[in-house]
Amino acid sequence: MFLAGALITGTAGQLLLKMGAVGPGSFLNQLFRPATLGGLICYGLAAMLYIVALRGIPVSIAFPAAASQYVIVGLFAWFVLREPWTVQQAIGLGLIVLGVGVLATSQAS
């Protein structure tokens, strides 16, 4: 439960940071945009949830599961933010999914 919360808030943090990075102005303007501040708060919360999750889950499971954030953020960037994608990115994210799946099934046995 805590791991899922960490993954969700970490993903939200990454997406909010991207949204805060878009727009004119200096670095300080970017830093103090509501989306950027929200992203930083999400990252802090994700770290706290991850620490709690590690109390009950081996890091050998938790850390690879955290890689699923790359997939979620990548898909969101492609579909919602309309960022361009390459075949290499699609293959890389597919390999991440495959790797997380292999690790998840090896721990279930």
PDB file of N, CA and C in Angstrom:
ATOM      1  N   MET A   1       0.821  -1.194   0.000  1.00  0.00           N
ATOM      2  CA  MET A   1       0.000   0.000   0.000  1.00  0.00           C
ATOM      3  C   MET A   1       0.872   1.268   0.000  1.00  0.00           C
ATOM      4  N   PHE A   2       1.890   1.285   0.876  1.00  0.00           N
ATOM      5  CA  PHE A   2       2.778   2.446   0.931  1.00  0.00           C
ATOM      6  C   PHE A   2       3.610   2.565  -0.345  1.00  0.00           C
ATOM      7  N   LEU A   3       4.000   1.416  -0.898  1.00  0.00           N
ATOM      8  CA  LEU A   3       4.774   1.451  -2.140  1.00  0.00           C
ATOM      9  C   LEU A   3       3.930   2.030  -3.267  1.00  0.00           C
ATOM     10  N   ALA A   4       2.695   1.610  -3.368  1.00  0.00           N
ATOM     11  CA  ALA A   4       1.808   2.148  -4.405  1.00  0.00           C
ATOM     12  C   ALA A   4       1.638   3.663  -4.224  1.00  0.00           C
ATOM     13  N   GLY A   5       1.463   4.096  -2.997  1.00  0.00           N
ATOM     14  CA  GLY A   5       1.347   5.525  -2.727  1.00  0.00           C
ATOM     15  C   GLY A   5       2.601   6.281  -3.118  1.00  0.00           C
ATOM     16  N   ALA A   6       3.768   5.684  -2.836  1.00  0.00           N
ATOM     17  CA  ALA A   6       5.034   6.313  -3.208  1.00  0.00           C
ATOM     18  C   ALA A   6       5.155   6.423  -4.720  1.00  0.00           C
ATOM     19  N   LEU A   7       4.757   5.376  -5.425  1.00  0.00           N
ATOM     20  CA  LEU A   7       4.850   5.393  -6.886  1.00  0.00           C
ATOM     21  C   LEU A   7       3.910   6.427  -7.496  1.00  0.00           C
ATOM     22  N   ILE A   8       2.708   6.505  -6.968  1.00  0.00           N
ATOM     23  CA  ILE A   8       1.723   7.460  -7.495  1.00  0.00           C
ATOM     24  C   ILE A   8       2.162   8.895  -7.231  1.00  0.00           C
ATOM     25  N   THR A   9       2.595   9.180  -5.996  1.00  0.00           N
ATOM     26  CA  THR A   9       2.988  10.556  -5.693  1.00  0.00           C
ATOM     27  C   THR A   9       4.304  10.927  -6.387  1.00  0.00           C
ATOM     28  N   GLY A  10       5.201   9.969  -6.558  1.00  0.00           N
ATOM     29  CA  GLY A  10       6.433  10.237  -7.301  1.00  0.00           C
ATOM     30  C   GLY A  10       6.154  10.550  -8.756  1.00  0.00           C
ATOM     31  N   THR A  11       5.231   9.816  -9.346  1.00  0.00           N
ATOM     32  CA  THR A  11       4.838  10.072 -10.735  1.00  0.00           C
ATOM     33  C   THR A  11       4.178  11.438 -10.856  1.00  0.00           C
ATOM     34  N   ALA A  12       3.274  11.736  -9.934  1.00  0.00           N
ATOM     35  CA  ALA A  12       2.628  13.052  -9.947  1.00  0.00           C
ATOM     36  C   ALA A  12       3.662  14.161  -9.805  1.00  0.00           C
ATOM     37  N   GLY A  13       4.655  13.939  -8.942  1.00  0.00           N
ATOM     38  CA  GLY A  13       5.703  14.937  -8.761  1.00  0.00           C
ATOM     39  C   GLY A  13       6.473  15.203 -10.039  1.00  0.00           C
ATOM     40  N   GLN A  14       6.832  14.152 -10.739  1.00  0.00           N
ATOM     41  CA  GLN A  14       7.570  14.311 -11.993  1.00  0.00           C
ATOM     42  C   GLN A  14       6.749  15.087 -13.018  1.00  0.00           C
ATOM     43  N   LEU A  15       5.486  14.747 -13.129  1.00  0.00           N
ATOM     44  CA  LEU A  15       4.631  15.415 -14.116  1.00  0.00           C
ATOM     45  C   LEU A  15       4.394  16.876 -13.749  1.00  0.00           C
ATOM     46  N   LEU A  16       4.229  17.159 -12.455  1.00  0.00           N
ATOM     47  CA  LEU A  16       4.057  18.543 -12.027  1.00  0.00           C
ATOM     48  C   LEU A  16       5.325  19.362 -12.269  1.00  0.00           C
ATOM     49  N   LEU A  17       6.489  18.753 -12.038  1.00  0.00           N
ATOM     50  CA  LEU A  17       7.736  19.467 -12.319  1.00  0.00           C
ATOM     51  C   LEU A  17       7.844  19.823 -13.801  1.00  0.00           C
ATOM     52  N   LYS A  18       7.427  18.917 -14.663  1.00  0.00           N
ATOM     53  CA  LYS A  18       7.447  19.203 -16.098  1.00  0.00           C
ATOM     54  C   LYS A  18       6.501  20.353 -16.417  1.00  0.00           C
ATOM     55  N   MET A  19       5.322  20.314 -15.839  1.00  0.00           N
ATOM     56  CA  MET A  19       4.354  21.377 -16.102  1.00  0.00           C
ATOM     57  C   MET A  19       4.851  22.727 -15.577  1.00  0.00           C
ATOM     58  N   GLY A  20       5.557  22.697 -14.456  1.00  0.00           N
ATOM     59  CA  GLY A  20       6.109  23.929 -13.918  1.00  0.00           C
ATOM     60  C   GLY A  20       7.287  24.457 -14.724  1.00  0.00           C
ATOM     61  N   ALA A  21       7.935  23.586 -15.468  1.00  0.00           N
ATOM     62  CA  ALA A  21       9.104  23.986 -16.255  1.00  0.00           C
ATOM     63  C   ALA A  21       8.721  24.705 -17.543  1.00  0.00           C
ATOM     64  N   VAL A  22       7.482  24.588 -17.945  1.00  0.00           N
ATOM     65  CA  VAL A  22       7.028  25.177 -19.203  1.00  0.00           C
ATOM     66  C   VAL A  22       6.601  26.620 -18.955  1.00  0.00           C
ATOM     67  N   GLY A  23       7.071  27.485 -19.797  1.00  0.00           N
ATOM     68  CA  GLY A  23       6.658  28.880 -19.693  1.00  0.00           C
ATOM     69  C   GLY A  23       7.843  29.817 -19.625  1.00  0.00           C
ATOM     70  N   PRO A  24       7.554  31.091 -19.797  1.00  0.00           N
ATOM     71  CA  PRO A  24       8.627  32.082 -19.806  1.00  0.00           C
ATOM     72  C   PRO A  24       9.097  32.405 -18.389  1.00  0.00           C
ATOM     73  N   GLY A  25      10.203  33.126 -18.334  1.00  0.00           N
ATOM     74  CA  GLY A  25      10.685  33.599 -17.046  1.00  0.00           C
ATOM     75  C   GLY A  25      11.985  32.944 -16.636  1.00  0.00           C
ATOM     76  N   SER A  26      12.505  33.437 -15.557  1.00  0.00           N
ATOM     77  CA  SER A  26      13.781  32.968 -15.035  1.00  0.00           C
ATOM     78  C   SER A  26      13.610  31.659 -14.273  1.00  0.00           C
ATOM     79  N   PHE A  27      14.730  31.125 -13.830  1.00  0.00           N
ATOM     80  CA  PHE A  27      14.702  29.916 -13.015  1.00  0.00           C
ATOM     81  C   PHE A  27      13.879  30.144 -11.748  1.00  0.00           C
ATOM     82  N   LEU A  28      14.026  31.313 -11.134  1.00  0.00           N
ATOM     83  CA  LEU A  28      13.258  31.588  -9.910  1.00  0.00           C
ATOM     84  C   LEU A  28      11.762  31.631 -10.191  1.00  0.00           C
ATOM     85  N   ASN A  29      11.384  32.177 -11.346  1.00  0.00           N
ATOM     86  CA  ASN A  29       9.967  32.147 -11.721  1.00  0.00           C
ATOM     87  C   ASN A  29       9.476  30.712 -11.828  1.00  0.00           C
ATOM     88  N   GLN A  30      10.287  29.873 -12.475  1.00  0.00           N
ATOM     89  CA  GLN A  30       9.934  28.461 -12.623  1.00  0.00           C
ATOM     90  C   GLN A  30       9.863  27.774 -11.271  1.00  0.00           C
ATOM     91  N   LEU A  31      10.823  28.051 -10.417  1.00  0.00           N
ATOM     92  CA  LEU A  31      10.906  27.391  -9.120  1.00  0.00           C
ATOM     93  C   LEU A  31       9.681  27.660  -8.258  1.00  0.00           C
ATOM     94  N   PHE A  32       9.147  28.869  -8.354  1.00  0.00           N
ATOM     95  CA  PHE A  32       8.033  29.235  -7.486  1.00  0.00           C
ATOM     96  C   PHE A  32       6.662  29.134  -8.150  1.00  0.00           C
ATOM     97  N   ARG A  33       6.598  28.529  -9.307  1.00  0.00           N
ATOM     98  CA  ARG A  33       5.290  28.258  -9.919  1.00  0.00           C
ATOM     99  C   ARG A  33       4.564  27.209  -9.082  1.00  0.00           C
ATOM    100  N   PRO A  34       3.253  27.307  -8.989  1.00  0.00           N
ATOM    101  CA  PRO A  34       2.497  26.328  -8.185  1.00  0.00           C
ATOM    102  C   PRO A  34       2.750  24.879  -8.610  1.00  0.00           C
ATOM    103  N   ALA A  35       2.866  24.629  -9.908  1.00  0.00           N
ATOM    104  CA  ALA A  35       3.096  23.253 -10.358  1.00  0.00           C
ATOM    105  C   ALA A  35       4.451  22.746  -9.875  1.00  0.00           C
ATOM    106  N   THR A  36       5.476  23.601  -9.932  1.00  0.00           N
ATOM    107  CA  THR A  36       6.800  23.186  -9.475  1.00  0.00           C
ATOM    108  C   THR A  36       6.786  22.912  -7.978  1.00  0.00           C
ATOM    109  N   LEU A  37       6.199  23.798  -7.214  1.00  0.00           N
ATOM    110  CA  LEU A  37       6.115  23.595  -5.766  1.00  0.00           C
ATOM    111  C   LEU A  37       5.326  22.334  -5.434  1.00  0.00           C
ATOM    112  N   GLY A  38       4.245  22.114  -6.158  1.00  0.00           N
ATOM    113  CA  GLY A  38       3.472  20.886  -5.959  1.00  0.00           C
ATOM    114  C   GLY A  38       4.286  19.643  -6.285  1.00  0.00           C
ATOM    115  N   GLY A  39       5.088  19.720  -7.338  1.00  0.00           N
ATOM    116  CA  GLY A  39       5.940  18.600  -7.704  1.00  0.00           C
ATOM    117  C   GLY A  39       6.967  18.298  -6.629  1.00  0.00           C
ATOM    118  N   LEU A  40       7.565  19.336  -6.077  1.00  0.00           N
ATOM    119  CA  LEU A  40       8.546  19.146  -5.005  1.00  0.00           C
ATOM    120  C   LEU A  40       7.905  18.548  -3.758  1.00  0.00           C
ATOM    121  N   ILE A  41       6.714  18.996  -3.442  1.00  0.00           N
ATOM    122  CA  ILE A  41       5.980  18.432  -2.287  1.00  0.00           C
ATOM    123  C   ILE A  41       5.670  16.956  -2.537  1.00  0.00           C
ATOM    124  N   CYS A  42       5.230  16.643  -3.749  1.00  0.00           N
ATOM    125  CA  CYS A  42       4.947  15.241  -4.087  1.00  0.00           C
ATOM    126  C   CYS A  42       6.195  14.377  -3.958  1.00  0.00           C
ATOM    127  N   TYR A  43       7.327  14.889  -4.407  1.00  0.00           N
ATOM    128  CA  TYR A  43       8.580  14.133  -4.286  1.00  0.00           C
ATOM    129  C   TYR A  43       8.920  13.858  -2.823  1.00  0.00           C
ATOM    130  N   GLY A  44       8.757  14.860  -1.983  1.00  0.00           N
ATOM    131  CA  GLY A  44       9.024  14.671  -0.559  1.00  0.00           C
ATOM    132  C   GLY A  44       8.099  13.637   0.051  1.00  0.00           C
ATOM    133  N   LEU A  45       6.827  13.718  -0.281  1.00  0.00           N
ATOM    134  CA  LEU A  45       5.854  12.751   0.223  1.00  0.00           C
ATOM    135  C   LEU A  45       6.150  11.349  -0.303  1.00  0.00           C
ATOM    136  N   ALA A  46       6.534  11.261  -1.573  1.00  0.00           N
ATOM    137  CA  ALA A  46       6.871   9.961  -2.157  1.00  0.00           C
ATOM    138  C   ALA A  46       8.056   9.333  -1.428  1.00  0.00           C
ATOM    139  N   ALA A  47       9.044  10.148  -1.105  1.00  0.00           N
ATOM    140  CA  ALA A  47      10.213   9.623  -0.385  1.00  0.00           C
ATOM    141  C   ALA A  47       9.808   9.089   0.987  1.00  0.00           C
ATOM    142  N   MET A  48       8.955   9.812   1.681  1.00  0.00           N
ATOM    143  CA  MET A  48       8.500   9.343   3.001  1.00  0.00           C
ATOM    144  C   MET A  48       7.714   8.039   2.892  1.00  0.00           C
ATOM    145  N   LEU A  49       6.828   7.953   1.916  1.00  0.00           N
ATOM    146  CA  LEU A  49       6.052   6.728   1.727  1.00  0.00           C
ATOM    147  C   LEU A  49       6.949   5.561   1.339  1.00  0.00           C
ATOM    148  N   TYR A  50       7.959   5.816   0.538  1.00  0.00           N
ATOM    149  CA  TYR A  50       8.892   4.773   0.115  1.00  0.00           C
ATOM    150  C   TYR A  50       9.678   4.244   1.314  1.00  0.00           C
ATOM    151  N   ILE A  51      10.090   5.140   2.183  1.00  0.00           N
ATOM    152  CA  ILE A  51      10.815   4.722   3.390  1.00  0.00           C
ATOM    153  C   ILE A  51       9.944   3.809   4.239  1.00  0.00           C
ATOM    154  N   VAL A  52       8.690   4.166   4.414  1.00  0.00           N
ATOM    155  CA  VAL A  52       7.772   3.328   5.198  1.00  0.00           C
ATOM    156  C   VAL A  52       7.563   1.989   4.488  1.00  0.00           C
ATOM    157  N   ALA A  53       7.432   2.015   3.173  1.00  0.00           N
ATOM    158  CA  ALA A  53       7.233   0.775   2.412  1.00  0.00           C
ATOM    159  C   ALA A  53       8.424  -0.168   2.581  1.00  0.00           C
ATOM    160  N   LEU A  54       9.626   0.387   2.648  1.00  0.00           N
ATOM    161  CA  LEU A  54      10.822  -0.444   2.772  1.00  0.00           C
ATOM    162  C   LEU A  54      10.886  -1.192   4.107  1.00  0.00           C
ATOM    163  N   ARG A  55      10.096  -0.774   5.059  1.00  0.00           N
ATOM    164  CA  ARG A  55      10.061  -1.491   6.339  1.00  0.00           C
ATOM    165  C   ARG A  55       9.462  -2.882   6.171  1.00  0.00           C
ATOM    166  N   GLY A  56       8.604  -3.056   5.162  1.00  0.00           N
ATOM    167  CA  GLY A  56       7.931  -4.338   4.996  1.00  0.00           C
ATOM    168  C   GLY A  56       8.183  -5.030   3.675  1.00  0.00           C
ATOM    169  N   ILE A  57       8.928  -4.382   2.783  1.00  0.00           N
ATOM    170  CA  ILE A  57       9.163  -4.944   1.448  1.00  0.00           C
ATOM    171  C   ILE A  57      10.667  -4.952   1.203  1.00  0.00           C
ATOM    172  N   PRO A  58      11.207  -6.038   0.699  1.00  0.00           N
ATOM    173  CA  PRO A  58      12.633  -6.050   0.357  1.00  0.00           C
ATOM    174  C   PRO A  58      12.929  -5.003  -0.717  1.00  0.00           C
ATOM    175  N   VAL A  59      14.067  -4.348  -0.592  1.00  0.00           N
ATOM    176  CA  VAL A  59      14.447  -3.339  -1.580  1.00  0.00           C
ATOM    177  C   VAL A  59      14.617  -3.973  -2.961  1.00  0.00           C
ATOM    178  N   SER A  60      14.909  -5.262  -2.999  1.00  0.00           N
ATOM    179  CA  SER A  60      15.056  -5.953  -4.285  1.00  0.00           C
ATOM    180  C   SER A  60      13.729  -6.037  -5.033  1.00  0.00           C
ATOM    181  N   ILE A  61      12.633  -5.830  -4.352  1.00  0.00           N
ATOM    182  CA  ILE A  61      11.311  -5.775  -4.989  1.00  0.00           C
ATOM    183  C   ILE A  61      10.868  -4.322  -5.156  1.00  0.00           C
ATOM    184  N   ALA A  62      11.059  -3.523  -4.114  1.00  0.00           N
ATOM    185  CA  ALA A  62      10.573  -2.142  -4.132  1.00  0.00           C
ATOM    186  C   ALA A  62      11.252  -1.298  -5.205  1.00  0.00           C
ATOM    187  N   PHE A  63      12.563  -1.416  -5.322  1.00  0.00           N
ATOM    188  CA  PHE A  63      13.273  -0.562  -6.268  1.00  0.00           C
ATOM    189  C   PHE A  63      12.907  -0.871  -7.719  1.00  0.00           C
ATOM    190  N   PRO A  64      12.880  -2.138  -8.130  1.00  0.00           N
ATOM    191  CA  PRO A  64      12.443  -2.399  -9.504  1.00  0.00           C
ATOM    192  C   PRO A  64      10.988  -1.961  -9.748  1.00  0.00           C
ATOM    193  N   ALA A  65      10.140  -2.097  -8.746  1.00  0.00           N
ATOM    194  CA  ALA A  65       8.753  -1.648  -8.917  1.00  0.00           C
ATOM    195  C   ALA A  65       8.711  -0.143  -9.156  1.00  0.00           C
ATOM    196  N   ALA A  66       9.635   0.578  -8.539  1.00  0.00           N
ATOM    197  CA  ALA A  66       9.688   2.023  -8.738  1.00  0.00           C
ATOM    198  C   ALA A  66      10.002   2.374 -10.196  1.00  0.00           C
ATOM    199  N   ALA A  67      10.605   1.456 -10.917  1.00  0.00           N
ATOM    200  CA  ALA A  67      10.903   1.698 -12.333  1.00  0.00           C
ATOM    201  C   ALA A  67       9.632   1.836 -13.157  1.00  0.00           C
ATOM    202  N   SER A  68       8.517   1.349 -12.628  1.00  0.00           N
ATOM    203  CA  SER A  68       7.254   1.498 -13.356  1.00  0.00           C
ATOM    204  C   SER A  68       6.888   2.968 -13.537  1.00  0.00           C
ATOM    205  N   GLN A  69       7.458   3.842 -12.699  1.00  0.00           N
ATOM    206  CA  GLN A  69       7.212   5.271 -12.865  1.00  0.00           C
ATOM    207  C   GLN A  69       7.711   5.763 -14.219  1.00  0.00           C
ATOM    208  N   TYR A  70       8.824   5.216 -14.690  1.00  0.00           N
ATOM    209  CA  TYR A  70       9.351   5.624 -15.986  1.00  0.00           C
ATOM    210  C   TYR A  70       8.329   5.366 -17.088  1.00  0.00           C
ATOM    211  N   VAL A  71       7.654   4.248 -16.993  1.00  0.00           N
ATOM    212  CA  VAL A  71       6.671   3.873 -18.006  1.00  0.00           C
ATOM    213  C   VAL A  71       5.465   4.799 -17.948  1.00  0.00           C
ATOM    214  N   ILE A  72       4.959   5.026 -16.753  1.00  0.00           N
ATOM    215  CA  ILE A  72       3.774   5.869 -16.589  1.00  0.00           C
ATOM    216  C   ILE A  72       4.065   7.295 -17.053  1.00  0.00           C
ATOM    217  N   VAL A  73       5.199   7.837 -16.628  1.00  0.00           N
ATOM    218  CA  VAL A  73       5.561   9.196 -17.027  1.00  0.00           C
ATOM    219  C   VAL A  73       5.780   9.269 -18.541  1.00  0.00           C
ATOM    220  N   GLY A  74       6.439   8.262 -19.100  1.00  0.00           N
ATOM    221  CA  GLY A  74       6.664   8.243 -20.543  1.00  0.00           C
ATOM    222  C   GLY A  74       5.371   8.231 -21.331  1.00  0.00           C
ATOM    223  N   LEU A  75       4.441   7.395 -20.915  1.00  0.00           N
ATOM    224  CA  LEU A  75       3.148   7.332 -21.606  1.00  0.00           C
ATOM    225  C   LEU A  75       2.367   8.630 -21.453  1.00  0.00           C
ATOM    226  N   PHE A  76       2.389   9.198 -20.260  1.00  0.00           N
ATOM    227  CA  PHE A  76       1.703  10.464 -20.032  1.00  0.00           C
ATOM    228  C   PHE A  76       2.307  11.559 -20.924  1.00  0.00           C
ATOM    229  N   ALA A  77       3.634  11.601 -20.992  1.00  0.00           N
ATOM    230  CA  ALA A  77       4.300  12.611 -21.810  1.00  0.00           C
ATOM    231  C   ALA A  77       3.924  12.465 -23.275  1.00  0.00           C
ATOM    232  N   TRP A  78       3.810  11.232 -23.709  1.00  0.00           N
ATOM    233  CA  TRP A  78       3.480  10.988 -25.108  1.00  0.00           C
ATOM    234  C   TRP A  78       2.028  11.327 -25.416  1.00  0.00           C
ATOM    235  N   PHE A  79       1.093  10.792 -24.612  1.00  0.00           N
ATOM    236  CA  PHE A  79      -0.330  10.952 -24.911  1.00  0.00           C
ATOM    237  C   PHE A  79      -0.891  12.314 -24.497  1.00  0.00           C
ATOM    238  N   VAL A  80      -0.506  12.821 -23.354  1.00  0.00           N
ATOM    239  CA  VAL A  80      -1.117  14.042 -22.829  1.00  0.00           C
ATOM    240  C   VAL A  80      -0.308  15.284 -23.199  1.00  0.00           C
ATOM    241  N   LEU A  81       1.009  15.230 -22.968  1.00  0.00           N
ATOM    242  CA  LEU A  81       1.839  16.391 -23.263  1.00  0.00           C
ATOM    243  C   LEU A  81       2.255  16.454 -24.731  1.00  0.00           C
ATOM    244  N   ARG A  82       1.955  15.408 -25.479  1.00  0.00           N
ATOM    245  CA  ARG A  82       2.252  15.337 -26.912  1.00  0.00           C
ATOM    246  C   ARG A  82       3.747  15.463 -27.214  1.00  0.00           C
ATOM    247  N   GLU A  83       4.581  14.925 -26.310  1.00  0.00           N
ATOM    248  CA  GLU A  83       6.016  14.906 -26.580  1.00  0.00           C
ATOM    249  C   GLU A  83       6.305  13.830 -27.616  1.00  0.00           C
ATOM    250  N   PRO A  84       7.272  14.071 -28.500  1.00  0.00           N
ATOM    251  CA  PRO A  84       7.580  13.066 -29.527  1.00  0.00           C
ATOM    252  C   PRO A  84       8.218  11.824 -28.905  1.00  0.00           C
ATOM    253  N   TRP A  85       7.983  10.699 -29.563  1.00  0.00           N
ATOM    254  CA  TRP A  85       8.538   9.420 -29.110  1.00  0.00           C
ATOM    255  C   TRP A  85       9.341   8.794 -30.213  1.00  0.00           C
ATOM    256  N   THR A  86      10.336   8.046 -29.827  1.00  0.00           N
ATOM    257  CA  THR A  86      11.135   7.309 -30.796  1.00  0.00           C
ATOM    258  C   THR A  86      10.926   5.812 -30.567  1.00  0.00           C
ATOM    259  N   VAL A  87      11.332   5.044 -31.529  1.00  0.00           N
ATOM    260  CA  VAL A  87      11.262   3.587 -31.396  1.00  0.00           C
ATOM    261  C   VAL A  87      12.134   3.135 -30.228  1.00  0.00           C
ATOM    262  N   GLN A  88      13.283   3.762 -30.056  1.00  0.00           N
ATOM    263  CA  GLN A  88      14.179   3.396 -28.959  1.00  0.00           C
ATOM    264  C   GLN A  88      13.519   3.620 -27.597  1.00  0.00           C
ATOM    265  N   GLN A  89      12.780   4.712 -27.458  1.00  0.00           N
ATOM    266  CA  GLN A  89      12.077   4.957 -26.200  1.00  0.00           C
ATOM    267  C   GLN A  89      11.021   3.885 -25.951  1.00  0.00           C
ATOM    268  N   ALA A  90      10.275   3.542 -26.982  1.00  0.00           N
ATOM    269  CA  ALA A  90       9.243   2.517 -26.832  1.00  0.00           C
ATOM    270  C   ALA A  90       9.857   1.173 -26.454  1.00  0.00           C
ATOM    271  N   ILE A  91      10.963   0.821 -27.089  1.00  0.00           N
ATOM    272  CA  ILE A  91      11.639  -0.439 -26.769  1.00  0.00           C
ATOM    273  C   ILE A  91      12.166  -0.403 -25.332  1.00  0.00           C
ATOM    274  N   GLY A  92      12.772   0.709 -24.945  1.00  0.00           N
ATOM    275  CA  GLY A  92      13.306   0.847 -23.590  1.00  0.00           C
ATOM    276  C   GLY A  92      12.228   0.705 -22.530  1.00  0.00           C
ATOM    277  N   LEU A  93      11.098   1.352 -22.743  1.00  0.00           N
ATOM    278  CA  LEU A  93      10.004   1.238 -21.770  1.00  0.00           C
ATOM    279  C   LEU A  93       9.422  -0.171 -21.767  1.00  0.00           C
ATOM    280  N   GLY A  94       9.381  -0.792 -22.928  1.00  0.00           N
ATOM    281  CA  GLY A  94       8.923  -2.185 -22.981  1.00  0.00           C
ATOM    282  C   GLY A  94       9.835  -3.107 -22.196  1.00  0.00           C
ATOM    283  N   LEU A  95      11.134  -2.870 -22.288  1.00  0.00           N
ATOM    284  CA  LEU A  95      12.092  -3.677 -21.526  1.00  0.00           C
ATOM    285  C   LEU A  95      11.934  -3.451 -20.023  1.00  0.00           C
ATOM    286  N   ILE A  96      11.624  -2.223 -19.624  1.00  0.00           N
ATOM    287  CA  ILE A  96      11.377  -1.948 -18.206  1.00  0.00           C
ATOM    288  C   ILE A  96      10.166  -2.741 -17.725  1.00  0.00           C
ATOM    289  N   VAL A  97       9.092  -2.714 -18.505  1.00  0.00           N
ATOM    290  CA  VAL A  97       7.889  -3.474 -18.143  1.00  0.00           C
ATOM    291  C   VAL A  97       8.210  -4.955 -18.033  1.00  0.00           C
ATOM    292  N   LEU A  98       8.940  -5.469 -19.000  1.00  0.00           N
ATOM    293  CA  LEU A  98       9.319  -6.876 -18.981  1.00  0.00           C
ATOM    294  C   LEU A  98      10.162  -7.193 -17.745  1.00  0.00           C
ATOM    295  N   GLY A  99      11.135  -6.354 -17.455  1.00  0.00           N
ATOM    296  CA  GLY A  99      12.000  -6.583 -16.299  1.00  0.00           C
ATOM    297  C   GLY A  99      11.250  -6.553 -14.988  1.00  0.00           C
ATOM    298  N   VAL A 100      10.373  -5.582 -14.816  1.00  0.00           N
ATOM    299  CA  VAL A 100       9.571  -5.504 -13.586  1.00  0.00           C
ATOM    300  C   VAL A 100       8.676  -6.726 -13.475  1.00  0.00           C
ATOM    301  N   GLY A 101       8.102  -7.156 -14.593  1.00  0.00           N
ATOM    302  CA  GLY A 101       7.255  -8.356 -14.576  1.00  0.00           C
ATOM    303  C   GLY A 101       8.029  -9.602 -14.203  1.00  0.00           C
ATOM    304  N   VAL A 102       9.228  -9.747 -14.735  1.00  0.00           N
ATOM    305  CA  VAL A 102      10.058 -10.920 -14.405  1.00  0.00           C
ATOM    306  C   VAL A 102      10.398 -10.909 -12.920  1.00  0.00           C
ATOM    307  N   LEU A 103      10.794  -9.754 -12.396  1.00  0.00           N
ATOM    308  CA  LEU A 103      11.132  -9.676 -10.973  1.00  0.00           C
ATOM    309  C   LEU A 103       9.906  -9.949 -10.088  1.00  0.00           C
ATOM    310  N   ALA A 104       8.759  -9.443 -10.487  1.00  0.00           N
ATOM    311  CA  ALA A 104       7.547  -9.644  -9.696  1.00  0.00           C
ATOM    312  C   ALA A 104       7.156 -11.109  -9.654  1.00  0.00           C
ATOM    313  N   THR A 105       7.271 -11.797 -10.783  1.00  0.00           N
ATOM    314  CA  THR A 105       6.891 -13.206 -10.794  1.00  0.00           C
ATOM    315  C   THR A 105       7.930 -14.074 -10.104  1.00  0.00           C
ATOM    316  N   SER A 106       9.202 -13.654 -10.111  1.00  0.00           N
ATOM    317  CA  SER A 106      10.226 -14.463  -9.441  1.00  0.00           C
ATOM    318  C   SER A 106      10.073 -14.373  -7.930  1.00  0.00           C
ATOM    319  N   GLN A 107       9.569 -13.248  -7.427  1.00  0.00           N
ATOM    320  CA  GLN A 107       9.361 -13.096  -5.994  1.00  0.00           C
ATOM    321  C   GLN A 107       8.077 -13.768  -5.532  1.00  0.00           C
ATOM    322  N   ALA A 108       7.123 -13.942  -6.441  1.00  0.00           N
ATOM    323  CA  ALA A 108       5.856 -14.570  -6.095  1.00  0.00           C
ATOM    324  C   ALA A 108       5.994 -16.077  -5.905  1.00  0.00           C
ATOM    325  N   SER A 109       7.021 -16.679  -6.485  1.00  0.00           N
ATOM    326  CA  SER A 109       7.200 -18.133  -6.427  1.00  0.00           C
ATOM    327  C   SER A 109       7.611 -18.583  -5.044  1.00  0.00           C
TER     328      SER A 109
END
